[in-house]
């Protein structure tokens, strides 16, 4: 009996993937994405080379920095730059940055968490809460640079100029809108049945907030805390405008210590950059799992 074939050349009754198109499909799956791999390697080089340059330059002498290839490893590595940074009141600047970051992130996240819970749980029957949510969303459209003059005048009127509190209060205000948006998204996805069962068990709104919503949104809380912590830790404009004395400087402003009238001590500046990055790396190492979990859940929503 003759074998019947289709228009594509595949024998009738043959399993899919045995004809020319099937072979083409199976062959396509085994191809290497050359352009994607090449772009990945190029991006890796773009990211790694500056980090490599920062580390090796911080180990060079200032006198030999301009005398050799910038990307060449130091022939005689030294920790003199790190010693110079630590002796130049680095501990004070580090303490100021820690105080500003912790003093801004903790209140901002707590206020944002409670505000997000109130907006999600009570906005259905409250016009005030709906307008409050709109107000927070409008805060995302206002950049820090556009409000620096009003903030400066308010700080002057409150007689808080040249204090760490002058940096903390505006940092809290600018961290709240995005935090409310992220946390409200997570709280909105918590099943309503869980809240109803807590209420049937006699739990108050305060108890439901801390015993149900808080544990379920912990990845989002860690994500928001790390994001705001990075922004405030690296903040330059607010400390520059709202402080003046060296005793109130944070780490970004501390780089000015190594800028002279006729030159810049580049190896010392990069050594201070490395030291300023270490606390952030420790923070990421401690909250890495929660951060990745929060980002994954956020993309999944």
Protein backbone atom coordinates (compact mmCIF):
# COMPACT_ATOMS: atom_id res chain seq x y z
CA UNK A 1 0.00 0.00 0.00
CA UNK A 2 1.34 3.39 -0.94
CA UNK A 3 2.11 5.73 1.90
CA UNK A 4 0.02 8.89 1.86
CA UNK A 5 1.91 12.13 2.43
CA UNK A 6 0.75 15.61 3.27
CA UNK A 7 1.66 18.80 1.45
CA UNK A 8 4.59 19.37 3.73
CA UNK A 9 6.22 16.08 2.87
CA UNK A 10 5.43 14.39 6.20
CA UNK A 11 3.99 10.93 6.00
CA UNK A 12 0.35 10.70 7.03
CA UNK A 13 0.05 9.36 10.53
CA UNK A 14 3.67 10.13 11.37
CA UNK A 15 4.26 11.82 14.73
CA UNK A 16 4.73 15.59 14.71
CA UNK A 17 8.25 16.87 14.43
CA UNK A 18 9.40 14.15 11.99
CA UNK A 19 9.00 16.23 8.83
CA UNK A 20 11.13 19.07 7.55
CA UNK A 21 9.36 21.62 9.71
CA UNK A 22 9.73 19.43 12.77
CA UNK A 23 13.43 19.09 12.13
CA UNK A 24 13.72 22.83 11.68
CA UNK A 25 11.96 23.47 14.94
CA UNK A 26 14.10 20.99 16.87
CA UNK A 27 17.23 22.40 15.28
CA UNK A 28 16.23 25.93 16.19
CA UNK A 29 16.00 25.02 19.85
CA UNK A 30 19.62 23.94 19.89
CA UNK A 31 21.00 27.17 18.43
CA UNK A 32 23.19 29.43 20.51
CA UNK A 33 22.11 33.03 20.92
CA UNK A 34 25.42 34.50 19.77
CA UNK A 35 24.30 38.11 19.85
CA UNK A 36 22.73 37.73 23.29
CA UNK A 37 25.82 36.05 24.70
CA UNK A 38 28.11 38.67 23.18
CA UNK A 39 25.98 41.48 24.59
CA UNK A 40 26.08 39.80 28.00
CA UNK A 41 29.87 39.63 27.97
CA UNK A 42 30.13 43.26 26.84
CA UNK A 43 27.84 44.36 29.67
CA UNK A 44 29.86 42.29 32.16
CA UNK A 45 33.04 44.06 31.06
CA UNK A 46 31.34 47.46 31.35
CA UNK A 47 30.31 46.69 34.93
CA UNK A 48 33.46 44.90 36.13
CA UNK A 49 36.16 47.19 34.69
CA UNK A 50 35.19 50.29 36.75
CA UNK A 51 35.00 48.19 39.92
CA UNK A 52 38.39 46.68 39.16
CA UNK A 53 39.85 50.15 38.53
CA UNK A 54 38.48 51.50 41.81
CA UNK A 55 39.95 48.65 43.86
CA UNK A 56 43.42 48.62 42.28
CA UNK A 57 43.69 52.42 42.31
CA UNK A 58 42.89 52.55 46.02
CA UNK A 59 45.95 50.34 46.57
CA UNK A 60 48.34 52.64 44.68
CA UNK A 61 50.53 55.46 45.91
CA UNK A 62 49.44 58.94 44.92
CA UNK A 63 52.83 59.64 43.37
CA UNK A 64 52.64 56.57 41.12
CA UNK A 65 49.02 56.98 40.09
CA UNK A 66 49.75 59.14 37.03
CA UNK A 67 53.01 57.38 36.16
CA UNK A 68 51.59 54.03 35.05
CA UNK A 69 48.73 52.46 33.17
CA UNK A 70 45.47 53.12 35.05
CA UNK A 71 44.32 49.52 34.54
CA UNK A 72 47.64 47.96 35.51
CA UNK A 73 47.71 46.34 38.96
CA UNK A 74 49.89 48.14 41.51
CA UNK A 75 53.48 46.97 41.54
CA UNK A 76 53.73 47.72 45.25
CA UNK A 77 50.26 47.57 46.84
CA UNK A 78 49.78 49.68 49.93
CA UNK A 79 47.05 50.35 52.48
CA UNK A 80 48.27 53.88 53.14
CA UNK A 81 45.23 55.36 51.43
CA UNK A 82 42.86 53.44 53.67
CA UNK A 83 44.87 54.52 56.70
CA UNK A 84 44.66 58.14 55.55
CA UNK A 85 40.88 57.88 55.09
CA UNK A 86 40.32 56.36 58.53
CA UNK A 87 42.51 58.99 60.16
CA UNK A 88 40.60 61.80 58.40
CA UNK A 89 37.52 61.51 60.66
CA UNK A 90 36.03 58.76 58.52
CA UNK A 91 34.39 57.23 61.60
CA UNK A 92 32.50 60.46 62.27
CA UNK A 93 31.25 60.66 58.69
CA UNK A 94 30.28 57.00 58.80
CA UNK A 95 28.37 57.54 62.04
CA UNK A 96 26.53 60.51 60.56
CA UNK A 97 25.52 58.48 57.51
CA UNK A 98 24.31 55.60 59.68
CA UNK A 99 22.26 57.97 61.86
CA UNK A 100 20.71 59.68 58.84
CA UNK A 101 19.96 56.42 57.02
CA UNK A 102 18.48 54.53 59.98
CA UNK A 103 16.68 57.61 61.28
CA UNK A 104 15.06 58.09 57.88
CA UNK A 105 14.35 54.51 56.76
CA UNK A 106 12.75 53.19 59.96
CA UNK A 107 10.12 55.94 60.38
CA UNK A 108 9.46 56.10 56.63
CA UNK A 109 8.83 52.35 56.33
CA UNK A 110 6.67 52.20 59.47
CA UNK A 111 4.53 55.16 58.43
CA UNK A 112 4.26 53.84 54.87
CA UNK A 113 3.25 50.38 56.07
CA UNK A 114 0.49 51.70 58.31
CA UNK A 115 -0.69 54.14 55.64
CA UNK A 116 -0.77 51.41 52.99
CA UNK A 117 -2.76 49.14 55.30
CA UNK A 118 -5.27 51.90 56.05
CA UNK A 119 -5.64 52.78 52.36
CA UNK A 120 -6.25 49.18 51.26
CA UNK A 121 -8.47 48.10 54.15
CA UNK A 122 -10.48 51.29 54.47
CA UNK A 123 -10.45 53.05 51.10
CA UNK A 124 -13.61 51.25 49.91
CA UNK A 125 -15.80 53.31 52.22
CA UNK A 126 -13.68 56.37 52.91
CA UNK A 127 -13.26 59.25 50.50
CA UNK A 128 -10.55 60.70 52.72
CA UNK A 129 -8.37 57.60 52.35
CA UNK A 130 -8.86 57.55 48.59
CA UNK A 131 -7.71 61.15 48.33
CA UNK A 132 -4.82 60.35 50.64
CA UNK A 133 -3.72 57.62 48.24
CA UNK A 134 -3.94 60.08 45.35
CA UNK A 135 -1.83 62.53 47.35
CA UNK A 136 0.87 59.91 47.88
CA UNK A 137 0.86 59.08 44.15
CA UNK A 138 1.24 62.77 43.32
CA UNK A 139 4.33 62.81 45.53
CA UNK A 140 6.04 60.45 43.08
CA UNK A 141 5.87 63.12 40.37
CA UNK A 142 7.75 65.76 42.41
CA UNK A 143 11.56 65.45 42.17
CA UNK A 144 13.79 66.39 45.04
CA UNK A 145 15.61 69.02 43.01
CA UNK A 146 12.37 70.94 42.40
CA UNK A 147 11.69 71.36 46.13
CA UNK A 148 15.15 72.01 47.50
CA UNK A 149 14.61 75.79 47.90
CA UNK A 150 11.29 75.45 49.82
CA UNK A 151 12.83 72.70 51.95
CA UNK A 152 15.82 74.94 52.68
CA UNK A 153 13.55 77.82 53.74
CA UNK A 154 11.46 75.54 55.96
CA UNK A 155 14.57 74.17 57.67
CA UNK A 156 15.83 77.71 58.26
CA UNK A 157 12.48 78.75 59.79
CA UNK A 158 12.50 75.69 62.05
CA UNK A 159 16.06 76.54 63.14
CA UNK A 160 17.34 73.08 62.25
CA UNK A 161 19.95 74.13 59.71
CA UNK A 162 23.29 72.34 59.96
CA UNK A 163 21.86 69.43 61.93
CA UNK A 164 21.35 65.79 61.02
CA UNK A 165 17.62 66.21 61.67
CA UNK A 166 17.53 68.66 58.77
CA UNK A 167 18.53 65.78 56.49
CA UNK A 168 16.37 63.14 58.14
CA UNK A 169 12.98 64.89 57.91
CA UNK A 170 13.04 65.63 54.14
CA UNK A 171 14.45 62.16 53.48
CA UNK A 172 11.45 60.62 55.26
CA UNK A 173 9.04 62.77 53.25
CA UNK A 174 10.55 61.75 49.92
CA UNK A 175 10.76 58.05 50.85
CA UNK A 176 7.10 57.68 51.86
CA UNK A 177 5.26 57.93 48.47
CA UNK A 178 7.07 55.10 46.71
CA UNK A 179 7.03 52.96 49.85
CA UNK A 180 3.25 53.36 50.18
CA UNK A 181 2.77 52.40 46.54
CA UNK A 182 4.86 49.21 46.84
CA UNK A 183 3.45 48.12 50.20
CA UNK A 184 -0.14 48.82 49.16
CA UNK A 185 0.33 46.53 46.17
CA UNK A 186 1.44 43.68 48.40
CA UNK A 187 -1.26 44.21 51.03
CA UNK A 188 -3.90 44.36 48.29
CA UNK A 189 -2.95 40.85 47.17
CA UNK A 190 -3.44 39.34 50.63
CA UNK A 191 -6.71 37.31 50.47
CA UNK A 192 -9.61 39.08 52.15
CA UNK A 193 -10.62 35.82 53.78
CA UNK A 194 -7.57 35.99 56.00
CA UNK A 195 -8.55 39.41 57.31
CA UNK A 196 -12.14 38.27 57.83
CA UNK A 197 -11.05 35.20 59.75
CA UNK A 198 -8.87 37.35 62.00
CA UNK A 199 -11.80 39.64 62.71
CA UNK A 200 -14.05 36.65 63.45
CA UNK A 201 -11.47 35.47 65.98
CA UNK A 202 -11.80 38.80 67.77
CA UNK A 203 -8.62 40.47 66.52
CA UNK A 204 -8.60 44.24 66.32
CA UNK A 205 -7.38 46.22 63.33
CA UNK A 206 -4.13 46.88 65.18
CA UNK A 207 -3.66 43.17 65.88
CA UNK A 208 -4.51 42.27 62.28
CA UNK A 209 -1.98 44.82 61.08
CA UNK A 210 0.95 43.42 63.06
CA UNK A 211 0.06 39.72 63.25
CA UNK A 212 -1.21 39.17 59.70
CA UNK A 213 -0.25 41.93 57.30
CA UNK A 214 3.23 42.49 58.70
CA UNK A 215 4.49 38.87 58.36
CA UNK A 216 2.96 38.45 54.89
CA UNK A 217 4.51 41.66 53.55
CA UNK A 218 7.95 41.15 55.11
CA UNK A 219 9.70 40.67 51.72
CA UNK A 220 8.20 43.94 50.51
CA UNK A 221 9.25 45.70 53.71
CA UNK A 222 12.84 44.51 53.29
CA UNK A 223 12.85 45.52 49.62
CA UNK A 224 11.54 49.00 50.37
CA UNK A 225 13.97 49.40 53.29
CA UNK A 226 17.01 48.48 51.21
CA UNK A 227 15.93 50.67 48.30
CA UNK A 228 15.35 53.70 50.52
CA UNK A 229 18.53 52.95 52.47
CA UNK A 230 20.60 53.01 49.29
CA UNK A 231 19.03 56.27 48.13
CA UNK A 232 19.56 58.02 51.46
CA UNK A 233 23.04 56.57 52.03
CA UNK A 234 24.20 57.90 48.66
CA UNK A 235 22.30 61.18 48.99
CA UNK A 236 24.40 64.23 48.18
CA UNK A 237 22.06 67.17 47.54
CA UNK A 238 20.33 67.36 50.93
CA UNK A 239 23.55 67.14 53.01
CA UNK A 240 25.18 69.67 50.69
CA UNK A 241 22.40 72.26 51.00
CA UNK A 242 21.20 71.68 54.57
CA UNK A 243 24.54 71.31 56.38
CA UNK A 244 27.66 73.42 56.56
CA UNK A 245 30.06 72.35 59.31
CA UNK A 246 32.42 69.38 58.80
CA UNK A 247 31.00 67.73 61.94
CA UNK A 248 27.64 67.19 60.18
CA UNK A 249 29.00 65.79 56.93
CA UNK A 250 27.93 62.42 55.62
CA UNK A 251 30.08 60.04 53.60
CA UNK A 252 29.28 61.48 50.14
CA UNK A 253 30.38 64.90 51.36
CA UNK A 254 33.45 63.42 53.04
CA UNK A 255 35.03 62.99 49.60
CA UNK A 256 35.69 66.73 49.66
CA UNK A 257 38.26 66.14 52.36
CA UNK A 258 40.67 64.77 49.75
CA UNK A 259 40.11 67.57 47.24
CA UNK A 260 42.76 70.22 47.54
CA UNK A 261 43.10 73.62 45.89
CA UNK A 262 45.27 72.39 43.05
CA UNK A 263 44.51 68.70 42.81
CA UNK A 264 42.60 65.66 44.01
CA UNK A 265 44.03 62.68 45.85
CA UNK A 266 42.38 60.12 43.59
CA UNK A 267 43.63 56.96 45.35
CA UNK A 268 42.39 58.29 48.72
CA UNK A 269 39.02 59.21 47.22
CA UNK A 270 38.60 55.73 45.79
CA UNK A 271 39.70 54.19 49.09
CA UNK A 272 36.92 56.13 50.81
CA UNK A 273 34.50 54.91 48.13
CA UNK A 274 35.45 51.30 48.87
CA UNK A 275 35.03 51.82 52.62
CA UNK A 276 31.69 53.57 52.10
CA UNK A 277 30.46 50.66 49.98
CA UNK A 278 31.23 47.97 52.56
CA UNK A 279 28.19 48.69 54.82
CA UNK A 280 25.91 48.47 51.78
CA UNK A 281 27.41 45.11 50.82
CA UNK A 282 26.87 43.84 54.37
CA UNK A 283 23.26 45.05 54.29
CA UNK A 284 22.68 43.31 50.97
CA UNK A 285 24.25 40.09 52.22
CA UNK A 286 21.95 40.05 55.24
CA UNK A 287 18.75 40.85 53.35
CA UNK A 288 19.54 39.20 50.02
CA UNK A 289 16.94 36.44 50.25
CA UNK A 290 14.16 38.74 51.39
CA UNK A 291 15.12 41.30 48.75
CA UNK A 292 15.06 38.78 45.90
CA UNK A 293 11.80 37.34 47.20
CA UNK A 294 10.22 40.78 47.30
CA UNK A 295 11.42 41.67 43.80
CA UNK A 296 10.23 38.31 42.41
CA UNK A 297 6.79 38.70 43.98
CA UNK A 298 6.63 42.24 42.70
CA UNK A 299 7.35 41.18 39.12
CA UNK A 300 4.88 38.32 39.46
CA UNK A 301 2.10 40.70 40.37
